[in-house]
């Protein structure tokens, strides 16, 4: 994976989270495993989206603690947190990744050769502490004011 693509992914995360979800974020420069990063989070929601076309093939992903997803959804939809259901939360996580990946690709792929697929939720069992480190490759660790999240892109 190119340094340029990772830089564009970081910028896309910053832009989308700030502008669309009113959630100030900063990228954490220190390295650690996903298991360590999310050690204090009892439940995560996650999604992946495929990237195809041109000479590249890969996947991007987004992992967000359930507690922050509710706030993101309320901010995005402009409704009170108490009015939000789990379907809206799941849709928000998928849409956030769709926007981040689309934003990054629009900067990286000026010729429009790459395409993104439909976001897919990651199963709860794949987000258990014992399986979290499968997401270490291509990871970008993100901090919010009250929480943490992670995103990444893996090109094969």
N, C-alpha and C. Protein backbone atom coordinates (compact mmCIF):
# COMPACT_ATOMS: atom_id res chain seq x y z
N UNK A 1 0.85 -1.18 0.00
CA UNK A 1 0.00 0.00 0.00
C UNK A 1 0.88 1.23 0.00
N UNK A 2 0.47 2.20 -0.76
CA UNK A 2 1.29 3.40 -0.87
C UNK A 2 1.07 4.34 0.31
N UNK A 3 2.12 5.06 0.64
CA UNK A 3 2.04 6.08 1.70
C UNK A 3 1.01 7.13 1.29
N UNK A 4 0.98 7.44 0.01
CA UNK A 4 0.03 8.43 -0.50
C UNK A 4 -1.42 8.00 -0.25
N UNK A 5 -1.72 6.72 -0.50
CA UNK A 5 -3.08 6.23 -0.29
C UNK A 5 -3.45 6.28 1.19
N UNK A 6 -2.51 5.91 2.06
CA UNK A 6 -2.78 5.97 3.51
C UNK A 6 -3.01 7.41 3.97
N UNK A 7 -2.22 8.34 3.45
CA UNK A 7 -2.41 9.75 3.79
C UNK A 7 -3.79 10.24 3.34
N UNK A 8 -4.21 9.82 2.16
CA UNK A 8 -5.52 10.22 1.64
C UNK A 8 -6.64 9.59 2.46
N UNK A 9 -6.42 8.37 2.95
CA UNK A 9 -7.41 7.70 3.79
C UNK A 9 -7.54 8.46 5.12
N UNK A 10 -6.42 8.85 5.70
CA UNK A 10 -6.46 9.62 6.95
C UNK A 10 -7.22 10.93 6.76
N UNK A 11 -6.95 11.61 5.66
CA UNK A 11 -7.62 12.88 5.39
C UNK A 11 -9.12 12.67 5.17
N UNK A 12 -9.47 11.59 4.48
CA UNK A 12 -10.89 11.28 4.23
C UNK A 12 -11.61 11.01 5.55
N UNK A 13 -10.97 10.27 6.44
CA UNK A 13 -11.57 10.00 7.76
C UNK A 13 -11.81 11.31 8.50
N UNK A 14 -10.80 12.15 8.54
CA UNK A 14 -10.92 13.45 9.21
C UNK A 14 -12.06 14.26 8.61
N UNK A 15 -12.10 14.38 7.29
CA UNK A 15 -13.12 15.19 6.62
C UNK A 15 -14.53 14.65 6.86
N UNK A 16 -14.73 13.37 6.64
CA UNK A 16 -16.07 12.79 6.75
C UNK A 16 -16.57 12.82 8.19
N UNK A 17 -15.74 12.44 9.12
CA UNK A 17 -16.19 12.42 10.52
C UNK A 17 -16.52 13.82 11.02
N UNK A 18 -15.73 14.80 10.63
CA UNK A 18 -15.99 16.17 11.06
C UNK A 18 -17.21 16.78 10.37
N UNK A 19 -17.28 16.64 9.06
CA UNK A 19 -18.32 17.34 8.28
C UNK A 19 -19.67 16.64 8.28
N UNK A 20 -19.66 15.31 8.22
CA UNK A 20 -20.92 14.59 8.09
C UNK A 20 -21.49 14.11 9.43
N UNK A 21 -20.60 13.86 10.38
CA UNK A 21 -21.05 13.30 11.66
C UNK A 21 -20.78 14.25 12.83
N UNK A 22 -20.23 15.43 12.53
CA UNK A 22 -19.95 16.45 13.55
C UNK A 22 -19.16 15.84 14.71
N UNK A 23 -18.19 15.02 14.35
CA UNK A 23 -17.40 14.27 15.32
C UNK A 23 -15.92 14.59 15.09
N UNK A 24 -15.35 15.47 15.92
CA UNK A 24 -13.94 15.79 15.77
C UNK A 24 -13.09 14.55 16.06
N UNK A 25 -12.15 14.28 15.18
CA UNK A 25 -11.27 13.13 15.34
C UNK A 25 -9.83 13.54 15.10
N UNK A 26 -8.95 12.71 15.62
CA UNK A 26 -7.54 12.86 15.29
C UNK A 26 -6.95 11.46 15.16
N UNK A 27 -5.99 11.34 14.27
CA UNK A 27 -5.32 10.06 14.06
C UNK A 27 -4.27 9.89 15.14
N UNK A 28 -4.22 8.71 15.72
CA UNK A 28 -3.25 8.40 16.75
C UNK A 28 -2.02 7.81 16.07
N UNK A 29 -0.87 8.40 16.31
CA UNK A 29 0.36 7.97 15.64
C UNK A 29 1.01 6.76 16.29
N UNK A 30 0.69 6.49 17.54
CA UNK A 30 1.34 5.35 18.19
C UNK A 30 0.77 4.05 17.65
N UNK A 31 1.60 3.06 17.61
CA UNK A 31 1.15 1.78 17.10
C UNK A 31 0.77 0.83 18.22
N UNK A 32 -0.30 0.11 18.04
CA UNK A 32 -0.68 -0.96 18.95
C UNK A 32 -1.63 -1.88 18.19
N UNK A 33 -1.91 -3.01 18.77
CA UNK A 33 -2.82 -3.96 18.13
C UNK A 33 -4.27 -3.52 18.34
N UNK A 34 -5.15 -4.03 17.51
CA UNK A 34 -6.58 -3.73 17.67
C UNK A 34 -7.09 -4.23 19.02
N UNK A 35 -6.59 -5.36 19.45
CA UNK A 35 -7.01 -5.90 20.74
C UNK A 35 -6.68 -4.91 21.86
N UNK A 36 -5.48 -4.31 21.79
CA UNK A 36 -5.10 -3.30 22.80
C UNK A 36 -5.92 -2.02 22.63
N UNK A 37 -6.10 -1.59 21.39
CA UNK A 37 -6.81 -0.34 21.10
C UNK A 37 -8.23 -0.36 21.64
N UNK A 38 -8.90 -1.51 21.49
CA UNK A 38 -10.30 -1.62 21.91
C UNK A 38 -10.48 -2.43 23.19
N UNK A 39 -9.45 -2.52 24.02
CA UNK A 39 -9.48 -3.34 25.24
C UNK A 39 -10.62 -2.97 26.18
N UNK A 40 -11.02 -1.71 26.21
CA UNK A 40 -12.07 -1.26 27.14
C UNK A 40 -13.44 -1.10 26.49
N UNK A 41 -13.59 -1.63 25.29
CA UNK A 41 -14.86 -1.50 24.57
C UNK A 41 -15.60 -2.83 24.56
N UNK A 42 -16.76 -2.90 25.21
CA UNK A 42 -17.47 -4.17 25.30
C UNK A 42 -18.11 -4.62 23.98
N UNK A 43 -18.46 -3.66 23.09
CA UNK A 43 -19.13 -4.03 21.85
C UNK A 43 -18.70 -3.10 20.73
N UNK A 44 -18.38 -3.71 19.59
CA UNK A 44 -18.00 -2.94 18.41
C UNK A 44 -18.97 -3.23 17.28
N UNK A 45 -19.15 -2.24 16.42
CA UNK A 45 -19.84 -2.43 15.15
C UNK A 45 -18.78 -2.23 14.07
N UNK A 46 -18.83 -3.05 13.05
CA UNK A 46 -17.83 -2.93 12.01
C UNK A 46 -18.43 -3.22 10.64
N UNK A 47 -17.75 -2.71 9.62
CA UNK A 47 -18.18 -2.91 8.25
C UNK A 47 -16.98 -2.95 7.33
N UNK A 48 -17.14 -3.61 6.21
CA UNK A 48 -16.11 -3.65 5.18
C UNK A 48 -16.72 -3.24 3.85
N UNK A 49 -15.86 -2.82 2.95
CA UNK A 49 -16.31 -2.51 1.59
C UNK A 49 -15.18 -2.89 0.63
N UNK A 50 -15.54 -3.59 -0.43
CA UNK A 50 -14.57 -4.04 -1.41
C UNK A 50 -14.18 -2.92 -2.37
N UNK A 51 -12.93 -2.99 -2.83
CA UNK A 51 -12.41 -2.05 -3.82
C UNK A 51 -11.89 -2.89 -4.98
N UNK A 52 -12.37 -2.60 -6.20
CA UNK A 52 -11.95 -3.34 -7.38
C UNK A 52 -11.73 -2.40 -8.55
N UNK A 53 -11.09 -2.91 -9.58
CA UNK A 53 -10.89 -2.15 -10.80
C UNK A 53 -9.45 -1.75 -10.99
N UNK A 54 -9.08 -1.54 -12.24
CA UNK A 54 -7.70 -1.19 -12.50
C UNK A 54 -6.79 -2.30 -12.00
N UNK A 55 -5.58 -1.96 -11.63
CA UNK A 55 -4.63 -2.98 -11.17
C UNK A 55 -4.78 -3.33 -9.68
N UNK A 56 -5.64 -2.64 -8.96
CA UNK A 56 -5.76 -2.84 -7.51
C UNK A 56 -7.02 -3.62 -7.15
N UNK A 57 -6.88 -4.35 -6.06
CA UNK A 57 -8.03 -5.04 -5.47
C UNK A 57 -7.80 -5.03 -3.97
N UNK A 58 -8.84 -4.73 -3.22
CA UNK A 58 -8.65 -4.69 -1.77
C UNK A 58 -9.94 -4.49 -1.03
N UNK A 59 -9.78 -4.08 0.22
CA UNK A 59 -10.93 -3.87 1.09
C UNK A 59 -10.59 -2.76 2.08
N UNK A 60 -11.60 -1.97 2.42
CA UNK A 60 -11.43 -1.01 3.50
C UNK A 60 -12.40 -1.43 4.61
N UNK A 61 -12.09 -1.00 5.82
CA UNK A 61 -12.92 -1.38 6.95
C UNK A 61 -13.01 -0.24 7.95
N UNK A 62 -14.04 -0.33 8.80
CA UNK A 62 -14.27 0.65 9.85
C UNK A 62 -14.80 -0.09 11.07
N UNK A 63 -14.18 0.16 12.22
CA UNK A 63 -14.58 -0.44 13.50
C UNK A 63 -14.90 0.68 14.48
N UNK A 64 -16.11 0.65 15.03
CA UNK A 64 -16.55 1.73 15.91
C UNK A 64 -17.23 1.13 17.15
N UNK A 65 -16.88 1.60 18.34
CA UNK A 65 -17.59 1.15 19.55
C UNK A 65 -19.07 1.52 19.47
N UNK A 66 -19.91 0.61 19.95
CA UNK A 66 -21.36 0.81 19.88
C UNK A 66 -21.79 2.13 20.52
N UNK A 67 -21.14 2.53 21.60
CA UNK A 67 -21.52 3.77 22.28
C UNK A 67 -21.38 5.01 21.43
N UNK A 68 -20.34 5.08 20.61
CA UNK A 68 -20.13 6.26 19.77
C UNK A 68 -21.01 6.22 18.52
N UNK A 69 -21.41 5.02 18.10
CA UNK A 69 -22.27 4.89 16.91
C UNK A 69 -23.60 5.60 17.15
N UNK A 70 -24.13 5.50 18.35
CA UNK A 70 -25.41 6.15 18.66
C UNK A 70 -25.28 7.67 18.50
N UNK A 71 -24.19 8.24 19.02
CA UNK A 71 -23.95 9.68 18.88
C UNK A 71 -23.77 10.06 17.41
N UNK A 72 -23.00 9.27 16.67
CA UNK A 72 -22.80 9.54 15.24
C UNK A 72 -24.12 9.53 14.48
N UNK A 73 -24.95 8.55 14.78
CA UNK A 73 -26.23 8.40 14.09
C UNK A 73 -27.14 9.59 14.38
N UNK A 74 -27.19 9.99 15.64
CA UNK A 74 -28.01 11.15 16.02
C UNK A 74 -27.51 12.40 15.29
N UNK A 75 -26.21 12.60 15.26
CA UNK A 75 -25.65 13.76 14.57
C UNK A 75 -25.94 13.73 13.07
N UNK A 76 -25.80 12.56 12.47
CA UNK A 76 -25.98 12.40 11.03
C UNK A 76 -27.44 12.60 10.62
N UNK A 77 -28.35 12.00 11.40
CA UNK A 77 -29.77 12.06 11.05
C UNK A 77 -30.47 13.29 11.62
N UNK A 78 -29.83 13.96 12.57
CA UNK A 78 -30.43 15.14 13.17
C UNK A 78 -31.61 14.80 14.06
N UNK A 79 -31.52 13.67 14.76
CA UNK A 79 -32.58 13.27 15.68
C UNK A 79 -31.97 12.96 17.05
N UNK A 80 -32.82 12.84 18.05
CA UNK A 80 -32.35 12.55 19.41
C UNK A 80 -31.86 11.11 19.51
N UNK A 81 -30.85 10.89 20.34
CA UNK A 81 -30.29 9.55 20.51
C UNK A 81 -31.33 8.54 20.95
N UNK A 82 -32.30 8.96 21.76
CA UNK A 82 -33.32 8.02 22.27
C UNK A 82 -34.26 7.53 21.16
N UNK A 83 -34.28 8.21 20.02
CA UNK A 83 -35.15 7.83 18.91
C UNK A 83 -34.49 6.86 17.93
N UNK A 84 -33.24 6.53 18.16
CA UNK A 84 -32.46 5.73 17.21
C UNK A 84 -32.62 4.24 17.48
N UNK A 85 -32.74 3.46 16.40
CA UNK A 85 -32.80 2.01 16.56
C UNK A 85 -31.52 1.38 15.99
N UNK A 86 -31.37 0.08 16.23
CA UNK A 86 -30.14 -0.61 15.85
C UNK A 86 -29.95 -0.62 14.33
N UNK A 87 -31.02 -0.69 13.56
CA UNK A 87 -30.90 -0.67 12.10
C UNK A 87 -30.28 0.65 11.64
N UNK A 88 -30.72 1.75 12.22
CA UNK A 88 -30.15 3.05 11.87
C UNK A 88 -28.67 3.11 12.25
N UNK A 89 -28.33 2.55 13.39
CA UNK A 89 -26.92 2.53 13.80
C UNK A 89 -26.08 1.75 12.80
N UNK A 90 -26.54 0.57 12.43
CA UNK A 90 -25.81 -0.26 11.46
C UNK A 90 -25.69 0.44 10.12
N UNK A 91 -26.78 1.06 9.67
CA UNK A 91 -26.74 1.80 8.41
C UNK A 91 -25.76 2.96 8.47
N UNK A 92 -25.66 3.61 9.62
CA UNK A 92 -24.73 4.73 9.79
C UNK A 92 -23.29 4.26 9.66
N UNK A 93 -22.96 3.15 10.29
CA UNK A 93 -21.59 2.62 10.19
C UNK A 93 -21.25 2.30 8.74
N UNK A 94 -22.19 1.67 8.03
CA UNK A 94 -21.94 1.34 6.62
C UNK A 94 -21.80 2.60 5.78
N UNK A 95 -22.66 3.57 6.01
CA UNK A 95 -22.60 4.82 5.23
C UNK A 95 -21.32 5.59 5.54
N UNK A 96 -20.88 5.59 6.79
CA UNK A 96 -19.63 6.27 7.14
C UNK A 96 -18.47 5.69 6.35
N UNK A 97 -18.36 4.36 6.29
CA UNK A 97 -17.28 3.74 5.53
C UNK A 97 -17.43 4.02 4.05
N UNK A 98 -18.64 3.98 3.55
CA UNK A 98 -18.89 4.28 2.14
C UNK A 98 -18.38 5.69 1.80
N UNK A 99 -18.68 6.66 2.65
CA UNK A 99 -18.25 8.04 2.41
C UNK A 99 -16.73 8.19 2.54
N UNK A 100 -16.14 7.56 3.54
CA UNK A 100 -14.69 7.66 3.73
C UNK A 100 -13.96 7.04 2.54
N UNK A 101 -14.37 5.85 2.14
CA UNK A 101 -13.70 5.16 1.04
C UNK A 101 -13.91 5.91 -0.27
N UNK A 102 -15.12 6.37 -0.51
CA UNK A 102 -15.39 7.15 -1.73
C UNK A 102 -14.59 8.43 -1.77
N UNK A 103 -14.50 9.12 -0.64
CA UNK A 103 -13.70 10.35 -0.55
C UNK A 103 -12.24 10.07 -0.86
N UNK A 104 -11.69 9.01 -0.25
CA UNK A 104 -10.29 8.66 -0.47
C UNK A 104 -10.04 8.31 -1.94
N UNK A 105 -10.93 7.49 -2.52
CA UNK A 105 -10.72 7.08 -3.91
C UNK A 105 -10.86 8.24 -4.88
N UNK A 106 -11.72 9.19 -4.59
CA UNK A 106 -11.86 10.34 -5.48
C UNK A 106 -10.58 11.16 -5.53
N UNK A 107 -9.80 11.13 -4.46
CA UNK A 107 -8.51 11.83 -4.43
C UNK A 107 -7.40 10.98 -5.04
N UNK A 108 -7.41 9.69 -4.75
CA UNK A 108 -6.33 8.80 -5.17
C UNK A 108 -6.44 8.39 -6.64
N UNK A 109 -7.65 8.13 -7.10
CA UNK A 109 -7.88 7.56 -8.43
C UNK A 109 -8.53 8.60 -9.34
N UNK A 110 -7.74 9.51 -9.84
CA UNK A 110 -8.26 10.61 -10.67
C UNK A 110 -8.86 10.12 -11.99
N UNK A 111 -8.45 8.93 -12.46
CA UNK A 111 -8.97 8.40 -13.72
C UNK A 111 -10.28 7.64 -13.53
N UNK A 112 -10.67 7.39 -12.30
CA UNK A 112 -11.93 6.71 -12.03
C UNK A 112 -11.92 5.23 -12.38
N UNK A 113 -10.78 4.58 -12.26
CA UNK A 113 -10.68 3.16 -12.58
C UNK A 113 -11.17 2.25 -11.46
N UNK A 114 -11.09 2.72 -10.23
CA UNK A 114 -11.45 1.91 -9.08
C UNK A 114 -12.93 2.08 -8.72
N UNK A 115 -13.52 1.01 -8.24
CA UNK A 115 -14.92 1.01 -7.84
C UNK A 115 -15.03 0.45 -6.43
N UNK A 116 -16.03 0.93 -5.70
CA UNK A 116 -16.29 0.35 -4.39
C UNK A 116 -17.58 -0.44 -4.45
N UNK A 117 -17.62 -1.47 -3.62
CA UNK A 117 -18.80 -2.32 -3.57
C UNK A 117 -19.83 -1.80 -2.58
N UNK A 118 -20.66 -2.69 -2.13
CA UNK A 118 -21.69 -2.37 -1.15
C UNK A 118 -21.15 -2.72 0.23
N UNK A 119 -21.25 -1.81 1.18
CA UNK A 119 -20.73 -2.10 2.53
C UNK A 119 -21.44 -3.30 3.15
N UNK A 120 -20.65 -4.13 3.83
CA UNK A 120 -21.16 -5.32 4.50
C UNK A 120 -20.80 -5.25 5.98
N UNK A 121 -21.74 -5.56 6.84
CA UNK A 121 -21.45 -5.59 8.28
C UNK A 121 -20.53 -6.75 8.59
N UNK A 122 -19.67 -6.55 9.55
CA UNK A 122 -18.79 -7.60 10.05
C UNK A 122 -19.56 -8.30 11.18
N UNK A 123 -19.57 -9.60 11.16
CA UNK A 123 -20.29 -10.36 12.19
C UNK A 123 -19.71 -10.13 13.58
N UNK A 124 -20.58 -10.19 14.58
CA UNK A 124 -20.15 -9.96 15.96
C UNK A 124 -19.03 -10.90 16.38
N UNK A 125 -19.09 -12.16 15.95
CA UNK A 125 -18.05 -13.11 16.34
C UNK A 125 -16.69 -12.73 15.76
N UNK A 126 -16.67 -12.06 14.62
CA UNK A 126 -15.40 -11.62 14.01
C UNK A 126 -14.85 -10.37 14.68
N UNK A 127 -15.63 -9.75 15.56
CA UNK A 127 -15.19 -8.57 16.29
C UNK A 127 -14.88 -8.89 17.76
N UNK A 128 -14.83 -10.17 18.08
CA UNK A 128 -14.48 -10.57 19.44
C UNK A 128 -13.00 -10.26 19.69
N UNK A 129 -12.63 -10.11 20.95
CA UNK A 129 -11.25 -9.75 21.30
C UNK A 129 -10.24 -10.69 20.67
N UNK A 130 -10.56 -11.97 20.62
CA UNK A 130 -9.62 -12.94 20.07
C UNK A 130 -9.41 -12.83 18.57
N UNK A 131 -10.31 -12.17 17.86
CA UNK A 131 -10.20 -12.05 16.40
C UNK A 131 -9.90 -10.64 15.93
N UNK A 132 -9.83 -9.69 16.83
CA UNK A 132 -9.63 -8.29 16.43
C UNK A 132 -8.31 -8.05 15.69
N UNK A 133 -7.28 -8.79 16.03
CA UNK A 133 -5.98 -8.52 15.43
C UNK A 133 -5.93 -8.84 13.93
N UNK A 134 -6.97 -9.48 13.40
CA UNK A 134 -7.03 -9.68 11.96
C UNK A 134 -7.14 -8.34 11.22
N UNK A 135 -7.49 -7.28 11.95
CA UNK A 135 -7.65 -5.96 11.36
C UNK A 135 -6.41 -5.08 11.55
N UNK A 136 -5.32 -5.63 12.05
CA UNK A 136 -4.11 -4.83 12.29
C UNK A 136 -3.49 -4.30 11.00
N UNK A 137 -3.56 -5.06 9.93
CA UNK A 137 -2.91 -4.65 8.69
C UNK A 137 -3.63 -3.43 8.08
N UNK A 138 -2.86 -2.43 7.73
CA UNK A 138 -3.41 -1.22 7.11
C UNK A 138 -4.25 -0.38 8.04
N UNK A 139 -4.06 -0.53 9.35
CA UNK A 139 -4.92 0.12 10.33
C UNK A 139 -4.56 1.59 10.56
N UNK A 140 -5.60 2.38 10.75
CA UNK A 140 -5.48 3.77 11.15
C UNK A 140 -6.27 3.89 12.46
N UNK A 141 -5.57 4.22 13.53
CA UNK A 141 -6.20 4.34 14.84
C UNK A 141 -6.69 5.78 15.03
N UNK A 142 -7.93 5.91 15.42
CA UNK A 142 -8.59 7.22 15.46
C UNK A 142 -9.12 7.47 16.87
N UNK A 143 -8.92 8.70 17.35
CA UNK A 143 -9.46 9.09 18.64
C UNK A 143 -10.51 10.17 18.47
N UNK A 144 -11.59 10.03 19.25
CA UNK A 144 -12.59 11.09 19.33
C UNK A 144 -12.45 11.69 20.73
N UNK A 145 -13.28 12.63 21.05
CA UNK A 145 -13.19 13.26 22.36
C UNK A 145 -13.41 12.25 23.49
N UNK A 146 -14.33 11.29 23.28
CA UNK A 146 -14.68 10.36 24.35
C UNK A 146 -14.45 8.89 24.01
N UNK A 147 -13.93 8.62 22.82
CA UNK A 147 -13.86 7.23 22.41
C UNK A 147 -12.74 7.01 21.40
N UNK A 148 -12.72 5.82 20.86
CA UNK A 148 -11.75 5.42 19.86
C UNK A 148 -12.46 4.68 18.75
N UNK A 149 -11.88 4.71 17.57
CA UNK A 149 -12.37 3.90 16.46
C UNK A 149 -11.16 3.54 15.62
N UNK A 150 -11.36 2.73 14.63
CA UNK A 150 -10.26 2.35 13.75
C UNK A 150 -10.81 2.16 12.34
N UNK A 151 -9.98 2.45 11.39
CA UNK A 151 -10.31 2.23 9.99
C UNK A 151 -9.05 1.69 9.34
N UNK A 152 -9.22 1.18 8.15
CA UNK A 152 -8.05 0.70 7.46
C UNK A 152 -8.36 0.37 6.02
N UNK A 153 -7.28 0.15 5.30
CA UNK A 153 -7.41 -0.26 3.91
C UNK A 153 -6.30 -1.26 3.64
N UNK A 154 -6.69 -2.36 3.00
CA UNK A 154 -5.75 -3.42 2.68
C UNK A 154 -5.86 -3.69 1.18
N UNK A 155 -4.76 -3.46 0.47
CA UNK A 155 -4.72 -3.70 -0.97
C UNK A 155 -3.93 -4.98 -1.21
N UNK A 156 -4.49 -5.84 -2.04
CA UNK A 156 -3.85 -7.13 -2.31
C UNK A 156 -3.06 -7.07 -3.61
